[in-house]
Amino acid sequence: DKEQQKALNRALHLARISQASLTLLLSIYDFSYEMTTML
């Protein structure tokens, strides 16, 4: 929900100085999809 990704900026900085691998995680959920009983 944010345009500015503070965590991503920080993680990329950490990855560069540490030569670390990086996984970007986006967790999503919409309850209305589960309630679409007609489908």
Full PDB file with SEQRES, HELIX, SHEET, SSBOND, CRYST1, ORIGX, SCALE, CONECT and MASTER records, all heavy atoms in Angstrom:
SEQRES   1 A   39  ASP LYS GLU GLN GLN LYS ALA LEU ASN ARG ALA LEU HIS          
SEQRES   2 A   39  LEU ALA ARG ILE SER GLN ALA SER LEU THR LEU LEU LEU          
SEQRES   3 A   39  SER ILE TYR ASP PHE SER TYR GLU MET THR THR MET LEU          
HELIX    1 AA1 LYS A    6  SER A   18  1                                  13    
HELIX    2 AA2 PHE A   31  GLU A   34  1                                   4    
CRYST1    1.000    1.000    1.000  90.00  90.00  90.00 P 1           1          
ORIGX1      1.000000  0.000000  0.000000        0.00000                         
ORIGX2      0.000000  1.000000  0.000000        0.00000                         
ORIGX3      0.000000  0.000000  1.000000        0.00000                         
SCALE1      1.000000  0.000000  0.000000        0.00000                         
SCALE2      0.000000  1.000000  0.000000        0.00000                         
SCALE3      0.000000  0.000000  1.000000        0.00000                         
ATOM      1  N   ASP A   1       0.803  -1.221   0.000  1.00  0.00           N  
ATOM      2  CA  ASP A   1       0.000   0.000   0.000  1.00  0.00           C  
ATOM      3  C   ASP A   1       0.841   1.278   0.000  1.00  0.00           C  
ATOM      4  O   ASP A   1       0.293   2.370   0.141  1.00  0.00           O  
ATOM      5  CB  ASP A   1      -0.921   0.015   1.228  1.00  0.00           C  
ATOM      6  CG  ASP A   1      -1.836  -1.197   1.271  1.00  0.00           C  
ATOM      7  OD1 ASP A   1      -2.346  -1.569   0.198  1.00  0.00           O  
ATOM      8  OD2 ASP A   1      -2.010  -1.774   2.354  1.00  0.00           O  
ATOM      9  N   LYS A   2       2.153   1.141  -0.123  1.00  0.00           N  
ATOM     10  CA  LYS A   2       3.024   2.312  -0.037  1.00  0.00           C  
ATOM     11  C   LYS A   2       3.828   2.499  -1.313  1.00  0.00           C  
ATOM     12  O   LYS A   2       4.304   1.520  -1.909  1.00  0.00           O  
ATOM     13  CB  LYS A   2       3.987   2.179   1.148  1.00  0.00           C  
ATOM     14  CG  LYS A   2       3.306   1.980   2.503  1.00  0.00           C  
ATOM     15  CD  LYS A   2       2.574   3.243   2.938  1.00  0.00           C  
ATOM     16  CE  LYS A   2       1.939   3.029   4.315  1.00  0.00           C  
ATOM     17  NZ  LYS A   2       1.202   4.222   4.772  1.00  0.00           N  
ATOM     18  N   GLU A   3       3.989   3.760  -1.723  1.00  0.00           N  
ATOM     19  CA  GLU A   3       4.846   4.043  -2.865  1.00  0.00           C  
ATOM     20  C   GLU A   3       6.307   3.927  -2.473  1.00  0.00           C  
ATOM     21  O   GLU A   3       7.131   3.418  -3.231  1.00  0.00           O  
ATOM     22  CB  GLU A   3       4.544   5.445  -3.407  1.00  0.00           C  
ATOM     23  CG  GLU A   3       3.183   5.570  -4.069  1.00  0.00           C  
ATOM     24  CD  GLU A   3       2.985   6.930  -4.710  1.00  0.00           C  
ATOM     25  OE1 GLU A   3       3.982   7.693  -4.788  1.00  0.00           O  
ATOM     26  OE2 GLU A   3       1.856   7.232  -5.107  1.00  0.00           O  
ATOM     27  N   GLN A   4       6.642   4.427  -1.281  1.00  0.00           N  
ATOM     28  CA  GLN A   4       8.007   4.367  -0.800  1.00  0.00           C  
ATOM     29  C   GLN A   4       8.235   3.041  -0.069  1.00  0.00           C  
ATOM     30  O   GLN A   4       7.581   2.770   0.934  1.00  0.00           O  
ATOM     31  CB  GLN A   4       8.298   5.538   0.147  1.00  0.00           C  
ATOM     32  CG  GLN A   4       8.235   6.902  -0.517  1.00  0.00           C  
ATOM     33  CD  GLN A   4       9.308   7.075  -1.564  1.00  0.00           C  
ATOM     34  OE1 GLN A   4      10.439   6.605  -1.413  1.00  0.00           O  
ATOM     35  NE2 GLN A   4       8.969   7.762  -2.645  1.00  0.00           N  
ATOM     36  N   GLN A   5       9.146   2.240  -0.587  1.00  0.00           N  
ATOM     37  CA  GLN A   5       9.446   0.937   0.006  1.00  0.00           C  
ATOM     38  C   GLN A   5      10.704   1.057   0.871  1.00  0.00           C  
ATOM     39  O   GLN A   5      11.815   0.744   0.446  1.00  0.00           O  
ATOM     40  CB  GLN A   5       9.627  -0.104  -1.094  1.00  0.00           C  
ATOM     41  CG  GLN A   5       8.381  -0.369  -1.917  1.00  0.00           C  
ATOM     42  CD  GLN A   5       7.321  -1.141  -1.141  1.00  0.00           C  
ATOM     43  OE1 GLN A   5       7.634  -1.912  -0.225  1.00  0.00           O  
ATOM     44  NE2 GLN A   5       6.062  -0.949  -1.497  1.00  0.00           N  
ATOM     45  N   LYS A   6      10.515   1.523   2.107  1.00  0.00           N  
ATOM     46  CA  LYS A   6      11.656   1.739   2.998  1.00  0.00           C  
ATOM     47  C   LYS A   6      12.420   0.450   3.257  1.00  0.00           C  
ATOM     48  O   LYS A   6      13.655   0.438   3.291  1.00  0.00           O  
ATOM     49  CB  LYS A   6      11.179   2.329   4.334  1.00  0.00           C  
ATOM     50  CG  LYS A   6      10.561   3.696   4.239  1.00  0.00           C  
ATOM     51  CD  LYS A   6      10.228   4.251   5.612  1.00  0.00           C  
ATOM     52  CE  LYS A   6       9.165   3.436   6.316  1.00  0.00           C  
ATOM     53  NZ  LYS A   6       8.773   4.003   7.630  1.00  0.00           N  
ATOM     54  N   ALA A   7      11.687  -0.629   3.448  1.00  0.00           N  
ATOM     55  CA  ALA A   7      12.336  -1.908   3.757  1.00  0.00           C  
ATOM     56  C   ALA A   7      13.167  -2.393   2.570  1.00  0.00           C  
ATOM     57  O   ALA A   7      14.274  -2.916   2.746  1.00  0.00           O  
ATOM     58  CB  ALA A   7      11.290  -2.955   4.135  1.00  0.00           C  
ATOM     59  N   LEU A   8      12.654  -2.215   1.365  1.00  0.00           N  
ATOM     60  CA  LEU A   8      13.395  -2.639   0.179  1.00  0.00           C  
ATOM     61  C   LEU A   8      14.671  -1.820   0.013  1.00  0.00           C  
ATOM     62  O   LEU A   8      15.732  -2.366  -0.307  1.00  0.00           O  
ATOM     63  CB  LEU A   8      12.510  -2.506  -1.062  1.00  0.00           C  
ATOM     64  CG  LEU A   8      13.149  -2.879  -2.399  1.00  0.00           C  
ATOM     65  CD1 LEU A   8      13.686  -4.308  -2.363  1.00  0.00           C  
ATOM     66  CD2 LEU A   8      12.154  -2.707  -3.537  1.00  0.00           C  
ATOM     67  N   ASN A   9      14.565  -0.519   0.223  1.00  0.00           N  
ATOM     68  CA  ASN A   9      15.768   0.324   0.143  1.00  0.00           C  
ATOM     69  C   ASN A   9      16.837  -0.155   1.112  1.00  0.00           C  
ATOM     70  O   ASN A   9      18.014  -0.266   0.759  1.00  0.00           O  
ATOM     71  CB  ASN A   9      15.412   1.780   0.445  1.00  0.00           C  
ATOM     72  CG  ASN A   9      14.533   2.407  -0.623  1.00  0.00           C  
ATOM     73  OD1 ASN A   9      14.611   2.014  -1.787  1.00  0.00           O  
ATOM     74  ND2 ASN A   9      13.699   3.358  -0.244  1.00  0.00           N  
ATOM     75  N   ARG A  10      16.429  -0.449   2.332  1.00  0.00           N  
ATOM     76  CA  ARG A  10      17.385  -0.877   3.356  1.00  0.00           C  
ATOM     77  C   ARG A  10      17.950  -2.259   3.023  1.00  0.00           C  
ATOM     78  O   ARG A  10      19.156  -2.498   3.182  1.00  0.00           O  
ATOM     79  CB  ARG A  10      16.706  -0.910   4.723  1.00  0.00           C  
ATOM     80  CG  ARG A  10      17.664  -0.971   5.886  1.00  0.00           C  
ATOM     81  CD  ARG A  10      18.396   0.356   6.110  1.00  0.00           C  
ATOM     82  NE  ARG A  10      17.651   1.251   6.958  1.00  0.00           N  
ATOM     83  CZ  ARG A  10      17.533   2.562   6.740  1.00  0.00           C  
ATOM     84  NH1 ARG A  10      18.092   3.110   5.682  1.00  0.00           N  
ATOM     85  NH2 ARG A  10      16.853   3.336   7.564  1.00  0.00           N  
ATOM     86  N   ALA A  11      17.084  -3.151   2.564  1.00  0.00           N  
ATOM     87  CA  ALA A  11      17.522  -4.512   2.259  1.00  0.00           C  
ATOM     88  C   ALA A  11      18.506  -4.528   1.088  1.00  0.00           C  
ATOM     89  O   ALA A  11      19.472  -5.292   1.092  1.00  0.00           O  
ATOM     90  CB  ALA A  11      16.311  -5.390   1.948  1.00  0.00           C  
ATOM     91  N   LEU A  12      18.260  -3.705   0.085  1.00  0.00           N  
ATOM     92  CA  LEU A  12      19.182  -3.637  -1.046  1.00  0.00           C  
ATOM     93  C   LEU A  12      20.548  -3.126  -0.601  1.00  0.00           C  
ATOM     94  O   LEU A  12      21.593  -3.617  -1.054  1.00  0.00           O  
ATOM     95  CB  LEU A  12      18.608  -2.726  -2.139  1.00  0.00           C  
ATOM     96  CG  LEU A  12      17.437  -3.300  -2.942  1.00  0.00           C  
ATOM     97  CD1 LEU A  12      16.803  -2.219  -3.809  1.00  0.00           C  
ATOM     98  CD2 LEU A  12      17.888  -4.479  -3.797  1.00  0.00           C  
ATOM     99  N   HIS A  13      20.539  -2.158   0.299  1.00  0.00           N  
ATOM    100  CA  HIS A  13      21.804  -1.647   0.841  1.00  0.00           C  
ATOM    101  C   HIS A  13      22.551  -2.742   1.600  1.00  0.00           C  
ATOM    102  O   HIS A  13      23.758  -2.937   1.414  1.00  0.00           O  
ATOM    103  CB  HIS A  13      21.519  -0.448   1.753  1.00  0.00           C  
ATOM    104  CG  HIS A  13      22.741   0.158   2.369  1.00  0.00           C  
ATOM    105  ND1 HIS A  13      23.817   0.591   1.623  1.00  0.00           N  
ATOM    106  CD2 HIS A  13      23.067   0.406   3.666  1.00  0.00           C  
ATOM    107  CE1 HIS A  13      24.746   1.079   2.427  1.00  0.00           C  
ATOM    108  NE2 HIS A  13      24.317   0.970   3.666  1.00  0.00           N  
ATOM    109  N   LEU A  14      21.812  -3.475   2.425  1.00  0.00           N  
ATOM    110  CA  LEU A  14      22.412  -4.584   3.167  1.00  0.00           C  
ATOM    111  C   LEU A  14      22.961  -5.651   2.229  1.00  0.00           C  
ATOM    112  O   LEU A  14      24.044  -6.203   2.449  1.00  0.00           O  
ATOM    113  CB  LEU A  14      21.372  -5.217   4.096  1.00  0.00           C  
ATOM    114  CG  LEU A  14      21.291  -4.756   5.548  1.00  0.00           C  
ATOM    115  CD1 LEU A  14      20.200  -5.524   6.267  1.00  0.00           C  
ATOM    116  CD2 LEU A  14      22.621  -4.911   6.253  1.00  0.00           C  
ATOM    117  N   ALA A  15      22.193  -5.961   1.200  1.00  0.00           N  
ATOM    118  CA  ALA A  15      22.614  -6.995   0.253  1.00  0.00           C  
ATOM    119  C   ALA A  15      23.905  -6.608  -0.449  1.00  0.00           C  
ATOM    120  O   ALA A  15      24.784  -7.451  -0.679  1.00  0.00           O  
ATOM    121  CB  ALA A  15      21.502  -7.249  -0.775  1.00  0.00           C  
ATOM    122  N   ARG A  16      24.036  -5.328  -0.800  1.00  0.00           N  
ATOM    123  CA  ARG A  16      25.240  -4.881  -1.508  1.00  0.00           C  
ATOM    124  C   ARG A  16      26.474  -4.941  -0.623  1.00  0.00           C  
ATOM    125  O   ARG A  16      27.533  -5.411  -1.041  1.00  0.00           O  
ATOM    126  CB  ARG A  16      25.033  -3.456  -2.024  1.00  0.00           C  
ATOM    127  CG  ARG A  16      24.069  -3.371  -3.198  1.00  0.00           C  
ATOM    128  CD  ARG A  16      24.136  -2.009  -3.869  1.00  0.00           C  
ATOM    129  NE  ARG A  16      23.143  -1.946  -4.948  1.00  0.00           N  
ATOM    130  CZ  ARG A  16      21.933  -1.434  -4.804  1.00  0.00           C  
ATOM    131  NH1 ARG A  16      21.550  -0.963  -3.623  1.00  0.00           N  
ATOM    132  NH2 ARG A  16      21.089  -1.410  -5.812  1.00  0.00           N  
ATOM    133  N   ILE A  17      26.354  -4.460   0.609  1.00  0.00           N  
ATOM    134  CA  ILE A  17      27.547  -4.414   1.460  1.00  0.00           C  
ATOM    135  C   ILE A  17      27.908  -5.786   2.016  1.00  0.00           C  
ATOM    136  O   ILE A  17      29.035  -5.993   2.459  1.00  0.00           O  
ATOM    137  CB  ILE A  17      27.364  -3.407   2.624  1.00  0.00           C  
ATOM    138  CG1 ILE A  17      26.227  -3.830   3.559  1.00  0.00           C  
ATOM    139  CG2 ILE A  17      27.142  -2.004   2.098  1.00  0.00           C  
ATOM    140  CD1 ILE A  17      26.024  -2.903   4.742  1.00  0.00           C  
ATOM    141  N   SER A  18      26.952  -6.719   1.987  1.00  0.00           N  
ATOM    142  CA  SER A  18      27.209  -8.054   2.532  1.00  0.00           C  
ATOM    143  C   SER A  18      27.314  -9.132   1.467  1.00  0.00           C  
ATOM    144  O   SER A  18      27.562 -10.294   1.793  1.00  0.00           O  
ATOM    145  CB  SER A  18      26.099  -8.443   3.521  1.00  0.00           C  
ATOM    146  OG  SER A  18      26.075  -7.600   4.634  1.00  0.00           O  
ATOM    147  N   GLN A  19      27.094  -8.744   0.195  1.00  0.00           N  
ATOM    148  CA  GLN A  19      27.055  -9.743  -0.877  1.00  0.00           C  
ATOM    149  C   GLN A  19      26.052 -10.846  -0.544  1.00  0.00           C  
ATOM    150  O   GLN A  19      26.318 -12.041  -0.714  1.00  0.00           O  
ATOM    151  CB  GLN A  19      28.452 -10.340  -1.103  1.00  0.00           C  
ATOM    152  CG  GLN A  19      29.499  -9.330  -1.532  1.00  0.00           C  
ATOM    153  CD  GLN A  19      29.155  -8.669  -2.864  1.00  0.00           C  
ATOM    154  OE1 GLN A  19      28.952  -9.348  -3.863  1.00  0.00           O  
ATOM    155  NE2 GLN A  19      29.066  -7.344  -2.871  1.00  0.00           N  
ATOM    156  N   ALA A  20      24.892 -10.431  -0.053  1.00  0.00           N  
ATOM    157  CA  ALA A  20      23.871 -11.381   0.403  1.00  0.00           C  
ATOM    158  C   ALA A  20      22.818 -11.588  -0.679  1.00  0.00           C  
ATOM    159  O   ALA A  20      22.579 -10.722  -1.524  1.00  0.00           O  
ATOM    160  CB  ALA A  20      23.210 -10.868   1.679  1.00  0.00           C  
ATOM    161  N   SER A  21      22.164 -12.747  -0.631  1.00  0.00           N  
ATOM    162  CA  SER A  21      21.022 -12.999  -1.506  1.00  0.00           C  
ATOM    163  C   SER A  21      19.786 -12.348  -0.895  1.00  0.00           C  
ATOM    164  O   SER A  21      19.717 -12.097   0.314  1.00  0.00           O  
ATOM    165  CB  SER A  21      20.803 -14.500  -1.683  1.00  0.00           C  
ATOM    166  OG  SER A  21      20.596 -15.125  -0.435  1.00  0.00           O  
ATOM    167  N   LEU A  22      18.800 -12.094  -1.742  1.00  0.00           N  
ATOM    168  CA  LEU A  22      17.650 -11.301  -1.316  1.00  0.00           C  
ATOM    169  C   LEU A  22      16.366 -11.911  -1.863  1.00  0.00           C  
ATOM    170  O   LEU A  22      16.271 -12.226  -3.050  1.00  0.00           O  
ATOM    171  CB  LEU A  22      17.813  -9.867  -1.839  1.00  0.00           C  
ATOM    172  CG  LEU A  22      16.785  -8.823  -1.450  1.00  0.00           C  
ATOM    173  CD1 LEU A  22      16.828  -8.569   0.037  1.00  0.00           C  
ATOM    174  CD2 LEU A  22      17.075  -7.516  -2.199  1.00  0.00           C  
ATOM    175  N   THR A  23      15.391 -12.112  -0.967  1.00  0.00           N  
ATOM    176  CA  THR A  23      14.067 -12.571  -1.379  1.00  0.00           C  
ATOM    177  C   THR A  23      13.057 -11.490  -1.061  1.00  0.00           C  
ATOM    178  O   THR A  23      12.990 -11.000   0.063  1.00  0.00           O  
ATOM    179  CB  THR A  23      13.673 -13.867  -0.649  1.00  0.00           C  
ATOM    180  OG1 THR A  23      14.610 -14.895  -0.956  1.00  0.00           O  
ATOM    181  CG2 THR A  23      12.287 -14.324  -1.063  1.00  0.00           C  
ATOM    182  N   LEU A  24      12.265 -11.106  -2.078  1.00  0.00           N  
ATOM    183  CA  LEU A  24      11.207 -10.125  -1.897  1.00  0.00           C  
ATOM    184  C   LEU A  24       9.904 -10.873  -1.668  1.00  0.00           C  
ATOM    185  O   LEU A  24       9.491 -11.690  -2.496  1.00  0.00           O  
ATOM    186  CB  LEU A  24      11.086  -9.234  -3.137  1.00  0.00           C  
ATOM    187  CG  LEU A  24      12.039  -8.052  -3.272  1.00  0.00           C  
ATOM    188  CD1 LEU A  24      13.483  -8.480  -3.216  1.00  0.00           C  
ATOM    189  CD2 LEU A  24      11.761  -7.293  -4.570  1.00  0.00           C  
ATOM    190  N   LEU A  25       9.258 -10.575  -0.546  1.00  0.00           N  
ATOM    191  CA  LEU A  25       8.020 -11.271  -0.187  1.00  0.00           C  
ATOM    192  C   LEU A  25       6.854 -10.302  -0.166  1.00  0.00           C  
ATOM    193  O   LEU A  25       6.905  -9.249   0.467  1.00  0.00           O  
ATOM    194  CB  LEU A  25       8.159 -11.925   1.184  1.00  0.00           C  
ATOM    195  CG  LEU A  25       6.874 -12.545   1.760  1.00  0.00           C  
ATOM    196  CD1 LEU A  25       6.386 -13.697   0.887  1.00  0.00           C  
ATOM    197  CD2 LEU A  25       7.071 -13.004   3.191  1.00  0.00           C  
ATOM    198  N   LEU A  26       5.790 -10.689  -0.858  1.00  0.00           N  
ATOM    199  CA  LEU A  26       4.535  -9.953  -0.799  1.00  0.00           C  
ATOM    200  C   LEU A  26       3.450 -10.940  -0.390  1.00  0.00           C  
ATOM    201  O   LEU A  26       3.168 -11.905  -1.096  1.00  0.00           O  
ATOM    202  CB  LEU A  26       4.202  -9.332  -2.159  1.00  0.00           C  
ATOM    203  CG  LEU A  26       2.943  -8.466  -2.206  1.00  0.00           C  
ATOM    204  CD1 LEU A  26       3.078  -7.247  -1.306  1.00  0.00           C  
ATOM    205  CD2 LEU A  26       2.631  -8.044  -3.640  1.00  0.00           C  
ATOM    206  N   SER A  27       2.860 -10.701   0.779  1.00  0.00           N  
ATOM    207  CA  SER A  27       1.782 -11.555   1.274  1.00  0.00           C  
ATOM    208  C   SER A  27       0.458 -10.856   1.017  1.00  0.00           C  
ATOM    209  O   SER A  27       0.252  -9.718   1.453  1.00  0.00           O  
ATOM    210  CB  SER A  27       1.968 -11.822   2.768  1.00  0.00           C  
ATOM    211  OG  SER A  27       0.884 -12.569   3.283  1.00  0.00           O  
ATOM    212  N   ILE A  28      -0.459 -11.524   0.307  1.00  0.00           N  
ATOM    213  CA  ILE A  28      -1.731 -10.908  -0.047  1.00  0.00           C  
ATOM    214  C   ILE A  28      -2.875 -11.821   0.370  1.00  0.00           C  
ATOM    215  O   ILE A  28      -2.720 -13.036   0.497  1.00  0.00           O  
ATOM    216  CB  ILE A  28      -1.824 -10.616  -1.560  1.00  0.00           C  
ATOM    217  CG1 ILE A  28      -1.700 -11.918  -2.372  1.00  0.00           C  
ATOM    218  CG2 ILE A  28      -0.763  -9.609  -1.973  1.00  0.00           C  
ATOM    219  CD1 ILE A  28      -1.936 -11.728  -3.855  1.00  0.00           C  
ATOM    220  N   TYR A  29      -4.043 -11.187   0.564  1.00  0.00           N  
ATOM    221  CA  TYR A  29      -5.240 -11.973   0.905  1.00  0.00           C  
ATOM    222  C   TYR A  29      -6.452 -11.075   0.727  1.00  0.00           C  
ATOM    223  O   TYR A  29      -6.433  -9.890   1.086  1.00  0.00           O  
ATOM    224  CB  TYR A  29      -5.179 -12.470   2.346  1.00  0.00           C  
ATOM    225  CG  TYR A  29      -6.347 -13.363   2.728  1.00  0.00           C  
ATOM    226  CD1 TYR A  29      -6.395 -14.684   2.292  1.00  0.00           C  
ATOM    227  CD2 TYR A  29      -7.397 -12.876   3.493  1.00  0.00           C  
ATOM    228  CE1 TYR A  29      -7.464 -15.506   2.627  1.00  0.00           C  
ATOM    229  CE2 TYR A  29      -8.461 -13.694   3.836  1.00  0.00           C  
ATOM    230  CZ  TYR A  29      -8.490 -15.003   3.398  1.00  0.00           C  
ATOM    231  OH  TYR A  29      -9.552 -15.813   3.725  1.00  0.00           O  
ATOM    232  N   ASP A  30      -7.496 -11.609   0.170  1.00  0.00           N  
ATOM    233  CA  ASP A  30      -8.756 -10.892   0.009  1.00  0.00           C  
ATOM    234  C   ASP A  30      -9.874 -11.847   0.402  1.00  0.00           C  
ATOM    235  O   ASP A  30     -10.150 -12.815  -0.301  1.00  0.00           O  
ATOM    236  CB  ASP A  30      -8.923 -10.414  -1.436  1.00  0.00           C  
ATOM    237  CG  ASP A  30     -10.120  -9.476  -1.583  1.00  0.00           C  
ATOM    238  OD1 ASP A  30     -11.066  -9.568  -0.779  1.00  0.00           O  
ATOM    239  OD2 ASP A  30     -10.093  -8.645  -2.520  1.00  0.00           O  
ATOM    240  N   PHE A  31     -10.517 -11.553   1.520  1.00  0.00           N  
ATOM    241  CA  PHE A  31     -11.540 -12.453   2.056  1.00  0.00           C  
ATOM    242  C   PHE A  31     -12.715 -12.604   1.095  1.00  0.00           C  
ATOM    243  O   PHE A  31     -13.385 -13.641   1.074  1.00  0.00           O  
ATOM    244  CB  PHE A  31     -12.031 -11.921   3.403  1.00  0.00           C  
ATOM    245  CG  PHE A  31     -12.980 -12.846   4.107  1.00  0.00           C  
ATOM    246  CD1 PHE A  31     -12.552 -14.090   4.563  1.00  0.00           C  
ATOM    247  CD2 PHE A  31     -14.298 -12.487   4.319  1.00  0.00           C  
ATOM    248  CE1 PHE A  31     -13.425 -14.950   5.213  1.00  0.00           C  
ATOM    249  CE2 PHE A  31     -15.179 -13.343   4.965  1.00  0.00           C  
ATOM    250  CZ  PHE A  31     -14.733 -14.574   5.411  1.00  0.00           C  
ATOM    251  N   SER A  32     -12.956 -11.576   0.287  1.00  0.00           N  
ATOM    252  CA  SER A  32     -14.096 -11.639  -0.635  1.00  0.00           C  
ATOM    253  C   SER A  32     -13.931 -12.764  -1.654  1.00  0.00           C  
ATOM    254  O   SER A  32     -14.919 -13.320  -2.132  1.00  0.00           O  
ATOM    255  CB  SER A  32     -14.266 -10.302  -1.359  1.00  0.00           C  
ATOM    256  OG  SER A  32     -13.136 -10.003  -2.153  1.00  0.00           O  
ATOM    257  N   TYR A  33     -12.669 -13.107  -1.974  1.00  0.00           N  
ATOM    258  CA  TYR A  33     -12.441 -14.204  -2.908  1.00  0.00           C  
ATOM    259  C   TYR A  33     -12.887 -15.537  -2.297  1.00  0.00           C  
ATOM    260  O   TYR A  33     -13.373 -16.419  -2.991  1.00  0.00           O  
ATOM    261  CB  TYR A  33     -10.958 -14.287  -3.284  1.00  0.00           C  
ATOM    262  CG  TYR A  33     -10.555 -13.275  -4.332  1.00  0.00           C  
ATOM    263  CD1 TYR A  33     -10.439 -11.934  -4.019  1.00  0.00           C  
ATOM    264  CD2 TYR A  33     -10.287 -13.662  -5.638  1.00  0.00           C  
ATOM    265  CE1 TYR A  33     -10.072 -10.994  -4.971  1.00  0.00           C  
ATOM    266  CE2 TYR A  33      -9.924 -12.740  -6.614  1.00  0.00           C  
ATOM    267  CZ  TYR A  33      -9.818 -11.398  -6.266  1.00  0.00           C  
ATOM    268  OH  TYR A  33      -9.463 -10.473  -7.214  1.00  0.00           O  
ATOM    269  N   GLU A  34     -12.682 -15.674  -0.987  1.00  0.00           N  
ATOM    270  CA  GLU A  34     -13.075 -16.914  -0.328  1.00  0.00           C  
ATOM    271  C   GLU A  34     -14.595 -17.021  -0.182  1.00  0.00           C  
ATOM    272  O   GLU A  34     -15.136 -18.113  -0.026  1.00  0.00           O  
ATOM    273  CB  GLU A  34     -12.416 -16.997   1.060  1.00  0.00           C  
ATOM    274  CG  GLU A  34     -10.908 -16.801   1.064  1.00  0.00           C  
ATOM    275  CD  GLU A  34     -10.167 -17.919   0.346  1.00  0.00           C  
ATOM    276  OE1 GLU A  34     -10.800 -18.947   0.035  1.00  0.00           O  
ATOM    277  OE2 GLU A  34      -8.966 -17.753   0.085  1.00  0.00           O  
ATOM    278  N   MET A  35     -15.269 -15.873  -0.206  1.00  0.00           N  
ATOM    279  CA  MET A  35     -16.714 -15.866   0.019  1.00  0.00           C  
ATOM    280  C   MET A  35     -17.513 -15.923  -1.282  1.00  0.00           C  
ATOM    281  O   MET A  35     -18.735 -15.831  -1.272  1.00  0.00           O  
ATOM    282  CB  MET A  35     -17.101 -14.595   0.787  1.00  0.00           C  
ATOM    283  CG  MET A  35     -16.516 -14.546   2.192  1.00  0.00           C  
ATOM    284  SD  MET A  35     -17.044 -15.941   3.210  1.00  0.00           S  
ATOM    285  CE  MET A  35     -18.783 -15.562   3.388  1.00  0.00           C  
ATOM    286  N   THR A  36     -16.819 -16.046  -2.405  1.00  0.00           N  
ATOM    287  CA  THR A  36     -17.518 -16.132  -3.686  1.00  0.00           C  
ATOM    288  C   THR A  36     -18.059 -17.548  -3.860  1.00  0.00           C  
ATOM    289  O   THR A  36     -17.539 -18.372  -4.613  1.00  0.00           O  
ATOM    290  CB  THR A  36     -16.561 -15.771  -4.840  1.00  0.00           C  
ATOM    291  OG1 THR A  36     -15.869 -14.585  -4.519  1.00  0.00           O  
ATOM    292  CG2 THR A  36     -17.325 -15.563  -6.137  1.00  0.00           C  
ATOM    293  N   THR A  37     -19.126 -17.832  -3.130  1.00  0.00           N  
ATOM    294  CA  THR A  37     -19.655 -19.197  -3.071  1.00  0.00           C  
ATOM    295  C   THR A  37     -20.311 -19.639  -4.374  1.00  0.00           C  
ATOM    296  O   THR A  37     -20.523 -20.836  -4.594  1.00  0.00           O  
ATOM    297  CB  THR A  37     -20.676 -19.316  -1.933  1.00  0.00           C  
ATOM    298  OG1 THR A  37     -21.695 -18.313  -2.122  1.00  0.00           O  
ATOM    299  CG2 THR A  37     -20.002 -19.107  -0.580  1.00  0.00           C  
ATOM    300  N   MET A  38     -20.664 -18.687  -5.229  1.00  0.00           N  
ATOM    301  CA  MET A  38     -21.312 -19.058  -6.489  1.00  0.00           C  
ATOM    302  C   MET A  38     -20.305 -19.684  -7.460  1.00  0.00           C  
ATOM    303  O   MET A  38     -20.712 -20.300  -8.446  1.00  0.00           O  
ATOM    304  CB  MET A  38     -21.967 -17.829  -7.136  1.00  0.00           C  
ATOM    305  CG  MET A  38     -23.135 -17.268  -6.324  1.00  0.00           C  
ATOM    306  SD  MET A  38     -23.890 -15.842  -7.111  1.00  0.00           S  
ATOM    307  CE  MET A  38     -24.517 -16.596  -8.626  1.00  0.00           C  
ATOM    308  N   LEU A  39     -19.020 -19.513  -7.185  1.00  0.00           N  
ATOM    309  CA  LEU A  39     -17.996 -20.070  -8.052  1.00  0.00           C  
ATOM    310  C   LEU A  39     -17.517 -21.411  -7.515  1.00  0.00           C  
ATOM    311  O   LEU A  39     -17.490 -21.630  -6.298  1.00  0.00           O  
ATOM    312  CB  LEU A  39     -16.809 -19.105  -8.163  1.00  0.00           C  
ATOM    313  CG  LEU A  39     -17.094 -17.736  -8.783  1.00  0.00           C  
ATOM    314  CD1 LEU A  39     -15.838 -16.888  -8.764  1.00  0.00           C  
ATOM    315  CD2 LEU A  39     -17.619 -17.878 -10.214  1.00  0.00           C  
TER     316      LEU A  39                                                      
MASTER        0    0    0    2    0    0    0    6  315    1    0    3          
END                                                                             
